[in-house]
Every structure is written in C-alpha cells, then in structure tokens.
PDB file of N, CA and C in Angstrom:
ATOM      1  N   VAL A   1      -1.028 -72.941  22.808  1.00  0.00           N
ATOM      2  CA  VAL A   1      -2.100 -71.956  22.775  1.00  0.00           C
ATOM      3  C   VAL A   1      -1.699 -70.715  23.570  1.00  0.00           C
ATOM      4  N   ALA A   2      -1.094 -70.896  24.721  1.00  0.00           N
ATOM      5  CA  ALA A   2      -0.684 -69.766  25.548  1.00  0.00           C
ATOM      6  C   ALA A   2       0.369 -68.935  24.836  1.00  0.00           C
ATOM      7  N   ALA A   3       1.244 -69.584  24.116  1.00  0.00           N
ATOM      8  CA  ALA A   3       2.289 -68.859  23.379  1.00  0.00           C
ATOM      9  C   ALA A   3       1.666 -68.022  22.279  1.00  0.00           C
ATOM     10  N   VAL A   4       0.664 -68.570  21.605  1.00  0.00           N
ATOM     11  CA  VAL A   4      -0.022 -67.823  20.530  1.00  0.00           C
ATOM     12  C   VAL A   4      -0.747 -66.630  21.131  1.00  0.00           C
ATOM     13  N   GLU A   5      -1.384 -66.842  22.280  1.00  0.00           N
ATOM     14  CA  GLU A   5      -2.096 -65.736  22.939  1.00  0.00           C
ATOM     15  C   GLU A   5      -1.121 -64.650  23.376  1.00  0.00           C
ATOM     16  N   ARG A   6       0.035 -65.048  23.904  1.00  0.00           N
ATOM     17  CA  ARG A   6       1.049 -64.062  24.308  1.00  0.00           C
ATOM     18  C   ARG A   6       1.537 -63.290  23.085  1.00  0.00           C
ATOM     19  N   GLU A   7       1.768 -64.022  21.993  1.00  0.00           N
ATOM     20  CA  GLU A   7       2.219 -63.385  20.759  1.00  0.00           C
ATOM     21  C   GLU A   7       1.151 -62.417  20.251  1.00  0.00           C
ATOM     22  N   HIS A   8      -0.090 -62.868  20.272  1.00  0.00           N
ATOM     23  CA  HIS A   8      -1.194 -62.011  19.834  1.00  0.00           C
ATOM     24  C   HIS A   8      -1.302 -60.772  20.722  1.00  0.00           C
ATOM     25  N   HIS A   9      -1.166 -60.963  22.008  1.00  0.00           N
ATOM     26  CA  HIS A   9      -1.229 -59.861  22.962  1.00  0.00           C
ATOM     27  C   HIS A   9      -0.073 -58.881  22.723  1.00  0.00           C
ATOM     28  N   ALA A  10       1.120 -59.409  22.478  1.00  0.00           N
ATOM     29  CA  ALA A  10       2.293 -58.564  22.225  1.00  0.00           C
ATOM     30  C   ALA A  10       2.091 -57.757  20.944  1.00  0.00           C
ATOM     31  N   GLN A  11       1.537 -58.414  19.905  1.00  0.00           N
ATOM     32  CA  GLN A  11       1.282 -57.693  18.658  1.00  0.00           C
ATOM     33  C   GLN A  11       0.227 -56.608  18.865  1.00  0.00           C
ATOM     34  N   SER A  12      -0.790 -56.929  19.637  1.00  0.00           N
ATOM     35  CA  SER A  12      -1.837 -55.942  19.921  1.00  0.00           C
ATOM     36  C   SER A  12      -1.260 -54.739  20.655  1.00  0.00           C
ATOM     37  N   GLU A  13      -0.399 -54.996  21.624  1.00  0.00           N
ATOM     38  CA  GLU A  13       0.235 -53.891  22.355  1.00  0.00           C
ATOM     39  C   GLU A  13       1.130 -53.071  21.429  1.00  0.00           C
ATOM     40  N   ALA A  14       1.825 -53.759  20.538  1.00  0.00           N
ATOM     41  CA  ALA A  14       2.698 -53.043  19.600  1.00  0.00           C
ATOM     42  C   ALA A  14       1.867 -52.161  18.677  1.00  0.00           C
ATOM     43  N   TRP A  15       0.777 -52.722  18.157  1.00  0.00           N
ATOM     44  CA  TRP A  15      -0.095 -51.930  17.278  1.00  0.00           C
ATOM     45  C   TRP A  15      -0.738 -50.775  18.056  1.00  0.00           C
ATOM     46  N   ALA A  16      -1.100 -51.013  19.285  1.00  0.00           N
ATOM     47  CA  ALA A  16      -1.686 -49.947  20.102  1.00  0.00           C
ATOM     48  C   ALA A  16      -0.667 -48.834  20.326  1.00  0.00           C
ATOM     49  N   ALA A  17       0.590 -49.192  20.538  1.00  0.00           N
ATOM     50  CA  ALA A  17       1.643 -48.191  20.716  1.00  0.00           C
ATOM     51  C   ALA A  17       1.856 -47.397  19.425  1.00  0.00           C
ATOM     52  N   VAL A  18       1.861 -48.106  18.287  1.00  0.00           N
ATOM     53  CA  VAL A  18       2.013 -47.429  16.990  1.00  0.00           C
ATOM     54  C   VAL A  18       0.837 -46.484  16.770  1.00  0.00           C
ATOM     55  N   HIS A  19      -0.371 -46.982  17.050  1.00  0.00           N
ATOM     56  CA  HIS A  19      -1.572 -46.156  16.880  1.00  0.00           C
ATOM     57  C   HIS A  19      -1.518 -44.924  17.787  1.00  0.00           C
ATOM     58  N   ALA A  20      -1.112 -45.098  19.015  1.00  0.00           N
ATOM     59  CA  ALA A  20      -1.018 -43.968  19.956  1.00  0.00           C
ATOM     60  C   ALA A  20       0.008 -42.954  19.461  1.00  0.00           C
ATOM     61  N   ARG A  21       1.137 -43.436  18.959  1.00  0.00           N
ATOM     62  CA  ARG A  21       2.173 -42.547  18.435  1.00  0.00           C
ATOM     63  C   ARG A  21       1.646 -41.786  17.211  1.00  0.00           C
ATOM     64  N   GLN A  22       0.929 -42.478  16.338  1.00  0.00           N
ATOM     65  CA  GLN A  22       0.360 -41.827  15.160  1.00  0.00           C
ATOM     66  C   GLN A  22      -0.673 -40.770  15.551  1.00  0.00           C
ATOM     67  N   GLN A  23      -1.476 -41.087  16.559  1.00  0.00           N
ATOM     68  CA  GLN A  23      -2.467 -40.128  17.041  1.00  0.00           C
ATOM     69  C   GLN A  23      -1.772 -38.890  17.620  1.00  0.00           C
ATOM     70  N   GLU A  24      -0.703 -39.126  18.342  1.00  0.00           N
ATOM     71  CA  GLU A  24       0.060 -38.017  18.919  1.00  0.00           C
ATOM     72  C   GLU A  24       0.662 -37.150  17.814  1.00  0.00           C
ATOM     73  N   GLU A  25       1.221 -37.788  16.792  1.00  0.00           N
ATOM     74  CA  GLU A  25       1.784 -37.045  15.658  1.00  0.00           C
ATOM     75  C   GLU A  25       0.690 -36.260  14.931  1.00  0.00           C
ATOM     76  N   LEU A  26      -0.468 -36.868  14.787  1.00  0.00           N
ATOM     77  CA  LEU A  26      -1.589 -36.211  14.128  1.00  0.00           C
ATOM     78  C   LEU A  26      -2.030 -34.978  14.913  1.00  0.00           C
ATOM     79  N   ARG A  27      -2.129 -35.106  16.224  1.00  0.00           N
ATOM     80  CA  ARG A  27      -2.510 -33.954  17.059  1.00  0.00           C
ATOM     81  C   ARG A  27      -1.472 -32.835  16.956  1.00  0.00           C
ATOM     82  N   ALA A  28      -0.195 -33.209  16.927  1.00  0.00           N
ATOM     83  CA  ALA A  28       0.869 -32.210  16.803  1.00  0.00           C
ATOM     84  C   ALA A  28       0.774 -31.489  15.451  1.00  0.00           C
ATOM     85  N   LYS A  29       0.504 -32.250  14.394  1.00  0.00           N
ATOM     86  CA  LYS A  29       0.370 -31.655  13.057  1.00  0.00           C
ATOM     87  C   LYS A  29      -0.870 -30.758  12.982  1.00  0.00           C
ATOM     88  N   GLU A  30      -1.952 -31.182  13.613  1.00  0.00           N
ATOM     89  CA  GLU A  30      -3.162 -30.359  13.632  1.00  0.00           C
ATOM     90  C   GLU A  30      -2.916 -29.050  14.381  1.00  0.00           C
ATOM     91  N   ALA A  31      -2.196 -29.138  15.495  1.00  0.00           N
ATOM     92  CA  ALA A  31      -1.867 -27.926  16.247  1.00  0.00           C
ATOM     93  C   ALA A  31      -0.988 -27.001  15.415  1.00  0.00           C
ATOM     94  N   LEU A  32      -0.023 -27.564  14.722  1.00  0.00           N
ATOM     95  CA  LEU A  32       0.849 -26.774  13.856  1.00  0.00           C
ATOM     96  C   LEU A  32       0.038 -26.135  12.723  1.00  0.00           C
ATOM     97  N   LEU A  33      -0.879 -26.895  12.169  1.00  0.00           N
ATOM     98  CA  LEU A  33      -1.743 -26.372  11.112  1.00  0.00           C
ATOM     99  C   LEU A  33      -2.582 -25.199  11.627  1.00  0.00           C
ATOM    100  N   GLU A  34      -3.139 -25.325  12.811  1.00  0.00           N
ATOM    101  CA  GLU A  34      -3.919 -24.231  13.402  1.00  0.00           C
ATOM    102  C   GLU A  34      -3.054 -22.986  13.592  1.00  0.00           C
ATOM    103  N   GLU A  35      -1.822 -23.181  14.050  1.00  0.00           N
ATOM    104  CA  GLU A  35      -0.909 -22.044  14.215  1.00  0.00           C
ATOM    105  C   GLU A  35      -0.643 -21.382  12.875  1.00  0.00           C
ATOM    106  N   ARG A  36      -0.412 -22.189  11.853  1.00  0.00           N
ATOM    107  CA  ARG A  36      -0.137 -21.651  10.509  1.00  0.00           C
ATOM    108  C   ARG A  36      -1.352 -20.891   9.982  1.00  0.00           C
ATOM    109  N   GLU A  37      -2.547 -21.456  10.221  1.00  0.00           N
ATOM    110  CA  GLU A  37      -3.764 -20.769   9.779  1.00  0.00           C
ATOM    111  C   GLU A  37      -3.921 -19.433  10.496  1.00  0.00           C
ATOM    112  N   ASP A  38      -3.602 -19.405  11.792  1.00  0.00           N
ATOM    113  CA  ASP A  38      -3.648 -18.148  12.545  1.00  0.00           C
ATOM    114  C   ASP A  38      -2.634 -17.155  11.987  1.00  0.00           C
ATOM    115  N   ASP A  39      -1.425 -17.656  11.678  1.00  0.00           N
ATOM    116  CA  ASP A  39      -0.390 -16.791  11.095  1.00  0.00           C
ATOM    117  C   ASP A  39      -0.848 -16.225   9.756  1.00  0.00           C
ATOM    118  N   ILE A  40      -1.464 -17.070   8.949  1.00  0.00           N
ATOM    119  CA  ILE A  40      -1.947 -16.629   7.636  1.00  0.00           C
ATOM    120  C   ILE A  40      -3.022 -15.560   7.803  1.00  0.00           C
ATOM    121  N   GLU A  41      -3.932 -15.770   8.725  1.00  0.00           N
ATOM    122  CA  GLU A  41      -4.998 -14.777   8.952  1.00  0.00           C
ATOM    123  C   GLU A  41      -4.404 -13.456   9.437  1.00  0.00           C
ATOM    124  N   GLU A  42      -3.433 -13.536  10.327  1.00  0.00           N
ATOM    125  CA  GLU A  42      -2.769 -12.335  10.823  1.00  0.00           C
ATOM    126  C   GLU A  42      -2.072 -11.590   9.683  1.00  0.00           C
ATOM    127  N   LEU A  43      -1.408 -12.344   8.808  1.00  0.00           N
ATOM    128  CA  LEU A  43      -0.739 -11.727   7.658  1.00  0.00           C
ATOM    129  C   LEU A  43      -1.747 -11.093   6.702  1.00  0.00           C
ATOM    130  N   ARG A  44      -2.892 -11.739   6.531  1.00  0.00           N
ATOM    131  CA  ARG A  44      -3.941 -11.158   5.676  1.00  0.00           C
ATOM    132  C   ARG A  44      -4.417  -9.827   6.248  1.00  0.00           C
ATOM    133  N   LEU A  45      -4.605  -9.795   7.554  1.00  0.00           N
ATOM    134  CA  LEU A  45      -5.036  -8.550   8.192  1.00  0.00           C
ATOM    135  C   LEU A  45      -3.981  -7.461   8.042  1.00  0.00           C
ATOM    136  N   GLU A  46      -2.716  -7.844   8.250  1.00  0.00           N
ATOM    137  CA  GLU A  46      -1.633  -6.878   8.098  1.00  0.00           C
ATOM    138  C   GLU A  46      -1.539  -6.377   6.663  1.00  0.00           C
ATOM    139  N   LEU A  47      -1.714  -7.287   5.722  1.00  0.00           N
ATOM    140  CA  LEU A  47      -1.674  -6.899   4.310  1.00  0.00           C
ATOM    141  C   LEU A  47      -2.813  -5.949   3.994  1.00  0.00           C
ATOM    142  N   GLY A  48      -3.988  -6.235   4.528  1.00  0.00           N
ATOM    143  CA  GLY A  48      -5.130  -5.339   4.327  1.00  0.00           C
ATOM    144  C   GLY A  48      -4.846  -3.963   4.886  1.00  0.00           C
ATOM    145  N   SER A  49      -4.249  -3.908   6.062  1.00  0.00           N
ATOM    146  CA  SER A  49      -3.902  -2.623   6.671  1.00  0.00           C
ATOM    147  C   SER A  49      -2.845  -1.900   5.842  1.00  0.00           C
ATOM    148  N   ALA A  50      -1.872  -2.651   5.376  1.00  0.00           N
ATOM    149  CA  ALA A  50      -0.819  -2.044   4.561  1.00  0.00           C
ATOM    150  C   ALA A  50      -1.399  -1.485   3.266  1.00  0.00           C
ATOM    151  N   ARG A  51      -2.333  -2.216   2.674  1.00  0.00           N
ATOM    152  CA  ARG A  51      -2.982  -1.724   1.450  1.00  0.00           C
ATOM    153  C   ARG A  51      -3.770  -0.449   1.732  1.00  0.00           C
ATOM    154  N   LYS A  52      -4.477  -0.427   2.855  1.00  0.00           N
ATOM    155  CA  LYS A  52      -5.242   0.774   3.205  1.00  0.00           C
ATOM    156  C   LYS A  52      -4.308   1.958   3.399  1.00  0.00           C
ATOM    157  N   ILE A  53      -3.214   1.732   4.098  1.00  0.00           N
ATOM    158  CA  ILE A  53      -2.239   2.807   4.316  1.00  0.00           C
ATOM    159  C   ILE A  53      -1.682   3.276   2.980  1.00  0.00           C
ATOM    160  N   HIS A  54      -1.338   2.334   2.114  1.00  0.00           N
ATOM    161  CA  HIS A  54      -0.805   2.686   0.799  1.00  0.00           C
ATOM    162  C   HIS A  54      -1.840   3.494   0.004  1.00  0.00           C
ATOM    163  N   ASP A  55      -3.099   3.052   0.034  1.00  0.00           N
ATOM    164  CA  ASP A  55      -4.154   3.764  -0.686  1.00  0.00           C
ATOM    165  C   ASP A  55      -4.331   5.183  -0.151  1.00  0.00           C
ATOM    166  N   LEU A  56      -4.280   5.331   1.170  1.00  0.00           N
ATOM    167  CA  LEU A  56      -4.412   6.666   1.764  1.00  0.00           C
ATOM    168  C   LEU A  56      -3.244   7.558   1.372  1.00  0.00           C
ATOM    169  N   GLU A  57      -2.041   7.010   1.395  1.00  0.00           N
ATOM    170  CA  GLU A  57      -0.869   7.792   0.992  1.00  0.00           C
ATOM    171  C   GLU A  57      -0.973   8.192  -0.473  1.00  0.00           C
ATOM    172  N   LEU A  58      -1.456   7.294  -1.291  1.00  0.00           N
ATOM    173  CA  LEU A  58      -1.634   7.589  -2.711  1.00  0.00           C
ATOM    174  C   LEU A  58      -2.673   8.689  -2.903  1.00  0.00           C
ATOM    175  N   GLN A  59      -3.755   8.627  -2.160  1.00  0.00           N
ATOM    176  CA  GLN A  59      -4.780   9.670  -2.239  1.00  0.00           C
ATOM    177  C   GLN A  59      -4.216  11.023  -1.818  1.00  0.00           C
ATOM    178  N   LYS A  60      -3.411  11.028  -0.749  1.00  0.00           N
ATOM    179  CA  LYS A  60      -2.797  12.280  -0.305  1.00  0.00           C
ATOM    180  C   LYS A  60      -1.895  12.849  -1.389  1.00  0.00           C
ATOM    181  N   LYS A  61      -1.122  11.995  -2.034  1.00  0.00           N
ATOM    182  CA  LYS A  61      -0.231  12.450  -3.099  1.00  0.00           C
ATOM    183  C   LYS A  61      -1.037  12.992  -4.274  1.00  0.00           C
ATOM    184  N   GLU A  62      -2.128  12.313  -4.623  1.00  0.00           N
ATOM    185  CA  GLU A  62      -2.967  12.781  -5.725  1.00  0.00           C
ATOM    186  C   GLU A  62      -3.589  14.134  -5.394  1.00  0.00           C
ATOM    187  N   LEU A  63      -4.031  14.305  -4.149  1.00  0.00           N
ATOM    188  CA  LEU A  63      -4.576  15.601  -3.738  1.00  0.00           C
ATOM    189  C   LEU A  63      -3.510  16.686  -3.829  1.00  0.00           C
ATOM    190  N   ARG A  64      -2.308  16.376  -3.397  1.00  0.00           N
ATOM    191  CA  ARG A  64      -1.209  17.348  -3.456  1.00  0.00           C
ATOM    192  C   ARG A  64      -0.893  17.711  -4.903  1.00  0.00           C
ATOM    193  N   ILE A  65      -0.894  16.716  -5.777  1.00  0.00           N
ATOM    194  CA  ILE A  65      -0.653  16.970  -7.203  1.00  0.00           C
ATOM    195  C   ILE A  65      -1.744  17.880  -7.755  1.00  0.00           C
ATOM    196  N   ASN A  66      -2.996  17.604  -7.395  1.00  0.00           N
ATOM    197  CA  ASN A  66      -4.101  18.449  -7.859  1.00  0.00           C
ATOM    198  C   ASN A  66      -3.951  19.880  -7.357  1.00  0.00           C
ATOM    199  N   GLU A  67      -3.552  20.025  -6.092  1.00  0.00           N
ATOM    200  CA  GLU A  67      -3.332  21.366  -5.534  1.00  0.00           C
ATOM    201  C   GLU A  67      -2.220  22.084  -6.289  1.00  0.00           C
ATOM    202  N   LEU A  68      -1.135  21.360  -6.566  1.00  0.00           N
ATOM    203  CA  LEU A  68      -0.016  21.974  -7.278  1.00  0.00           C
ATOM    204  C   LEU A  68      -0.400  22.332  -8.710  1.00  0.00           C
ATOM    205  N   GLU A  69      -1.169  21.471  -9.355  1.00  0.00           N
ATOM    206  CA  GLU A  69      -1.622  21.775 -10.710  1.00  0.00           C
ATOM    207  C   GLU A  69      -2.511  23.016 -10.714  1.00  0.00           C
ATOM    208  N   ALA A  70      -3.378  23.140  -9.727  1.00  0.00           N
ATOM    209  CA  ALA A  70      -4.241  24.318  -9.626  1.00  0.00           C
ATOM    210  C   ALA A  70      -3.394  25.569  -9.402  1.00  0.00           C
ATOM    211  N   ARG A  71      -2.378  25.459  -8.570  1.00  0.00           N
ATOM    212  CA  ARG A  71      -1.496  26.610  -8.302  1.00  0.00           C
ATOM    213  C   ARG A  71      -0.727  27.001  -9.566  1.00  0.00           C
ATOM    214  N   VAL A  72      -0.251  26.004 -10.300  1.00  0.00           N
ATOM    215  CA  VAL A  72       0.451  26.284 -11.557  1.00  0.00           C
ATOM    216  C   VAL A  72      -0.500  26.988 -12.518  1.00  0.00           C
ATOM    217  N   GLN A  73      -1.739  26.537 -12.583  1.00  0.00           N
ATOM    218  CA  GLN A  73      -2.721  27.166 -13.459  1.00  0.00           C
ATOM    219  C   GLN A  73      -2.955  28.620 -13.049  1.00  0.00           C
ATOM    220  N   GLU A  74      -3.041  28.870 -11.744  1.00  0.00           N
ATOM    221  CA  GLU A  74      -3.187  30.247 -11.248  1.00  0.00           C
ATOM    222  C   GLU A  74      -2.008  31.100 -11.682  1.00  0.00           C
ATOM    223  N   LEU A  75      -0.809  30.570 -11.507  1.00  0.00           N
ATOM    224  CA  LEU A  75       0.390  31.317 -11.869  1.00  0.00           C
ATOM    225  C   LEU A  75       0.456  31.572 -13.371  1.00  0.00           C
ATOM    226  N   LEU A  76       0.047  30.599 -14.170  1.00  0.00           N
ATOM    227  CA  LEU A  76       0.023  30.800 -15.619  1.00  0.00           C
ATOM    228  C   LEU A  76      -0.988  31.879 -16.009  1.00  0.00           C
ATOM    229  N   THR A  77      -2.108  31.901 -15.332  1.00  0.00           N
ATOM    230  CA  THR A  77      -3.116  32.935 -15.597  1.00  0.00           C
ATOM    231  C   THR A  77      -2.570  34.310 -15.228  1.00  0.00           C
ATOM    232  N   GLN A  78      -1.908  34.393 -14.076  1.00  0.00           N
ATOM    233  CA  GLN A  78      -1.301  35.665 -13.668  1.00  0.00           C
ATOM    234  C   GLN A  78      -0.225  36.090 -14.648  1.00  0.00           C
ATOM    235  N   LEU A  79       0.574  35.144 -15.108  1.00  0.00           N
ATOM    236  CA  LEU A  79       1.625  35.441 -16.071  1.00  0.00           C
ATOM    237  C   LEU A  79       1.032  35.951 -17.377  1.00  0.00           C
ATOM    238  N   ALA A  80      -0.049  35.318 -17.833  1.00  0.00           N
ATOM    239  CA  ALA A  80      -0.710  35.761 -19.062  1.00  0.00           C
ATOM    240  C   ALA A  80      -1.255  37.174 -18.893  1.00  0.00           C
ATOM    241  N   THR A  81      -1.827  37.451 -17.720  1.00  0.00           N
ATOM    242  CA  THR A  81      -2.356  38.787 -17.453  1.00  0.00           C
ATOM    243  C   THR A  81      -1.230  39.811 -17.453  1.00  0.00           C
ATOM    244  N   LEU A  82      -0.142  39.479 -16.796  1.00  0.00           N
ATOM    245  CA  LEU A  82       1.003  40.389 -16.745  1.00  0.00           C
ATOM    246  C   LEU A  82       1.638  40.551 -18.126  1.00  0.00           C
ATOM    247  N   SER A  83       1.691  39.459 -18.891  1.00  0.00           N
ATOM    248  CA  SER A  83       2.270  39.537 -20.235  1.00  0.00           C
ATOM    249  C   SER A  83       1.419  40.398 -21.144  1.00  0.00           C
ATOM    250  N   ALA A  84       0.114  40.350 -20.976  1.00  0.00           N
ATOM    251  CA  ALA A  84      -0.770  41.179 -21.795  1.00  0.00           C
ATOM    252  C   ALA A  84      -0.580  42.648 -21.460  1.00  0.00           C
ATOM    253  N   ALA A  85      -0.317  42.951 -20.197  1.00  0.00           N
ATOM    254  CA  ALA A  85      -0.115  44.340 -19.772  1.00  0.00           C
ATOM    255  C   ALA A  85       1.308  44.789 -20.066  1.00  0.00           C
ATOM    256  N   ALA A  86       2.224  43.875 -20.166  1.00  0.00           N
ATOM    257  CA  ALA A  86       3.637  44.211 -20.319  1.00  0.00           C
ATOM    258  C   ALA A  86       3.974  44.883 -21.637  1.00  0.00           C
ATOM    259  N   PRO A  87       3.408  44.518 -22.786  1.00  0.00           N
ATOM    260  CA  PRO A  87       3.823  45.174 -24.031  1.00  0.00           C
ATOM    261  C   PRO A  87       3.642  46.686 -23.973  1.00  0.00           C
ATOM    262  N   ALA A  88       2.612  47.147 -23.368  1.00  0.00           N
ATOM    263  CA  ALA A  88       2.411  48.594 -23.264  1.00  0.00           C
ATOM    264  C   ALA A  88       3.506  49.209 -22.408  1.00  0.00           C
ATOM    265  N   ALA A  89       3.930  48.517 -21.396  1.00  0.00           N
ATOM    266  CA  ALA A  89       4.957  49.051 -20.506  1.00  0.00           C
ATOM    267  C   ALA A  89       6.342  48.929 -21.119  1.00  0.00           C
ATOM    268  N   THR A  90       6.567  47.930 -21.939  1.00  0.00           N
ATOM    269  CA  THR A  90       7.900  47.744 -22.520  1.00  0.00           C
ATOM    270  C   THR A  90       8.042  48.370 -23.897  1.00  0.00           C
ATOM    271  N   ASP A  91       6.957  48.855 -24.476  1.00  0.00           N
ATOM    272  CA  ASP A  91       7.013  49.519 -25.785  1.00  0.00           C
ATOM    273  C   ASP A  91       7.750  50.844 -25.620  1.00  0.00           C
ATOM    274  N   PRO A  92       8.856  51.033 -26.339  1.00  0.00           N
ATOM    275  CA  PRO A  92       9.619  52.276 -26.178  1.00  0.00           C
ATOM    276  C   PRO A  92       8.770  53.508 -26.446  1.00  0.00           C
ATOM    277  N   ALA A  93       7.860  53.448 -27.381  1.00  0.00           N
ATOM    278  CA  ALA A  93       7.010  54.602 -27.668  1.00  0.00           C
ATOM    279  C   ALA A  93       6.079  54.874 -26.501  1.00  0.00           C
ATOM    280  N   ALA A  94       5.659  53.828 -25.830  1.00  0.00           N
ATOM    281  CA  ALA A  94       4.735  53.998 -24.715  1.00  0.00           C
ATOM    282  C   ALA A  94       5.448  54.506 -23.480  1.00  0.00           C
ATOM    283  N   THR A  95       6.758  54.295 -23.379  1.00  0.00           N
ATOM    284  CA  THR A  95       7.492  54.722 -22.184  1.00  0.00           C
ATOM    285  C   THR A  95       7.965  56.154 -22.303  1.00  0.00           C
ATOM    286  N   LYS A  96       7.904  56.741 -23.495  1.00  0.00           N
ATOM    287  CA  LYS A  96       8.312  58.125 -23.666  1.00  0.00           C
ATOM    288  C   LYS A  96       7.304  59.042 -22.990  1.00  0.00           C
ATOM    289  N   CYS A  97       7.787  60.130 -22.699  1.00  0.00           N
ATOM    290  CA  CYS A  97       6.947  61.136 -22.062  1.00  0.00           C
ATOM    291  C   CYS A  97       5.876  61.579 -23.062  1.00  0.00           C
ATOM    292  N   PRO A  98       4.631  61.712 -22.676  1.00  0.00           N
ATOM    293  CA  PRO A  98       3.569  62.108 -23.607  1.00  0.00           C
ATOM    294  C   PRO A  98       3.851  63.467 -24.238  1.00  0.00           C
ATOM    295  N   GLU A  99       4.488  64.342 -23.487  1.00  0.00           N
ATOM    296  CA  GLU A  99       4.779  65.665 -24.050  1.00  0.00           C
ATOM    297  C   GLU A  99       5.798  65.552 -25.171  1.00  0.00           C
ATOM    298  N   ALA A 100       6.729  64.625 -25.060  1.00  0.00           N
ATOM    299  CA  ALA A 100       7.764  64.458 -26.078  1.00  0.00           C
ATOM    300  C   ALA A 100       7.140  63.898 -27.341  1.00  0.00           C
ATOM    301  N   ALA A 101       6.143  63.070 -27.211  1.00  0.00           N
ATOM    302  CA  ALA A 101       5.481  62.507 -28.367  1.00  0.00           C
ATOM    303  C   ALA A 101       4.692  63.569 -29.126  1.00  0.00           C
ATOM    304  N   GLN A 102       4.246  64.663 -28.430  1.00  0.00           N
ATOM    305  CA  GLN A 102       3.461  65.717 -29.075  1.00  0.00           C
ATOM    306  C   GLN A 102       4.354  66.786 -29.664  1.00  0.00           C
ATOM    307  N   SER A 103       5.603  66.893 -29.237  1.00  0.00           N
ATOM    308  CA  SER A 103       6.514  67.934 -29.722  1.00  0.00           C
ATOM    309  C   SER A 103       6.932  67.627 -31.154  1.00  0.00           C
ATOM    310  N   PRO A 104       7.047  68.698 -32.002  1.00  0.00           N
ATOM    311  CA  PRO A 104       7.487  68.493 -33.375  1.00  0.00           C
ATOM    312  C   PRO A 104       8.947  68.249 -33.504  1.00  0.00           C
TER     313      PRO A 104
END
C-alpha cells in the first residue's frame, strides 16, 4: 500500500510539474500575443498617419495642377487676344504709311 501511495504521489507531482510548465508556457504565449496586438495597433496607427500624409500630398498636387491649368488658360486667353490684334500689325498693307496708301 505504501508503495502504491508513493507511486501515486510521484505521479501527482509529475503531473503538477507538467501542469505548471504548461501554465508558464501559456502565460508566455499570452504575453507574446499582447505584444503582437500592441505592435499591430501601432502599425495601424502608423498606416493611418501615412494615409493622411499621402492624401494631403495628393491634395496639394491637385491644387497645384488646378493652379497651373488656370495659368495656362490665362496665357491662352492672352495669346488669343494678341493673335487677334496681330493680323492688323503684321498685314503689310496695314504697316505702310497712311500717306503712301493715299498717294496715286
């Protein structure tokens, strides 16, 4: 009977040691999981910030494009105005002296 009790006690201690080791491994894995979750949250925040920065840069570029398009439109309008006035200035008959045009 004493031998059976010793054997039972030894098995109980062995199982208790296995259980303690498993609990320790579980706590280590839970801690690692918490760290990973923190890392993931940090990366999400960084990604959100990066997206905001990208969106702002894109908006700035779009504004610059709009400004340049408006400037091109202004220049085209000025060119059209100058081109409309230019034929009179470049017409050889228009550049002659008015007195020469009246002389026979």
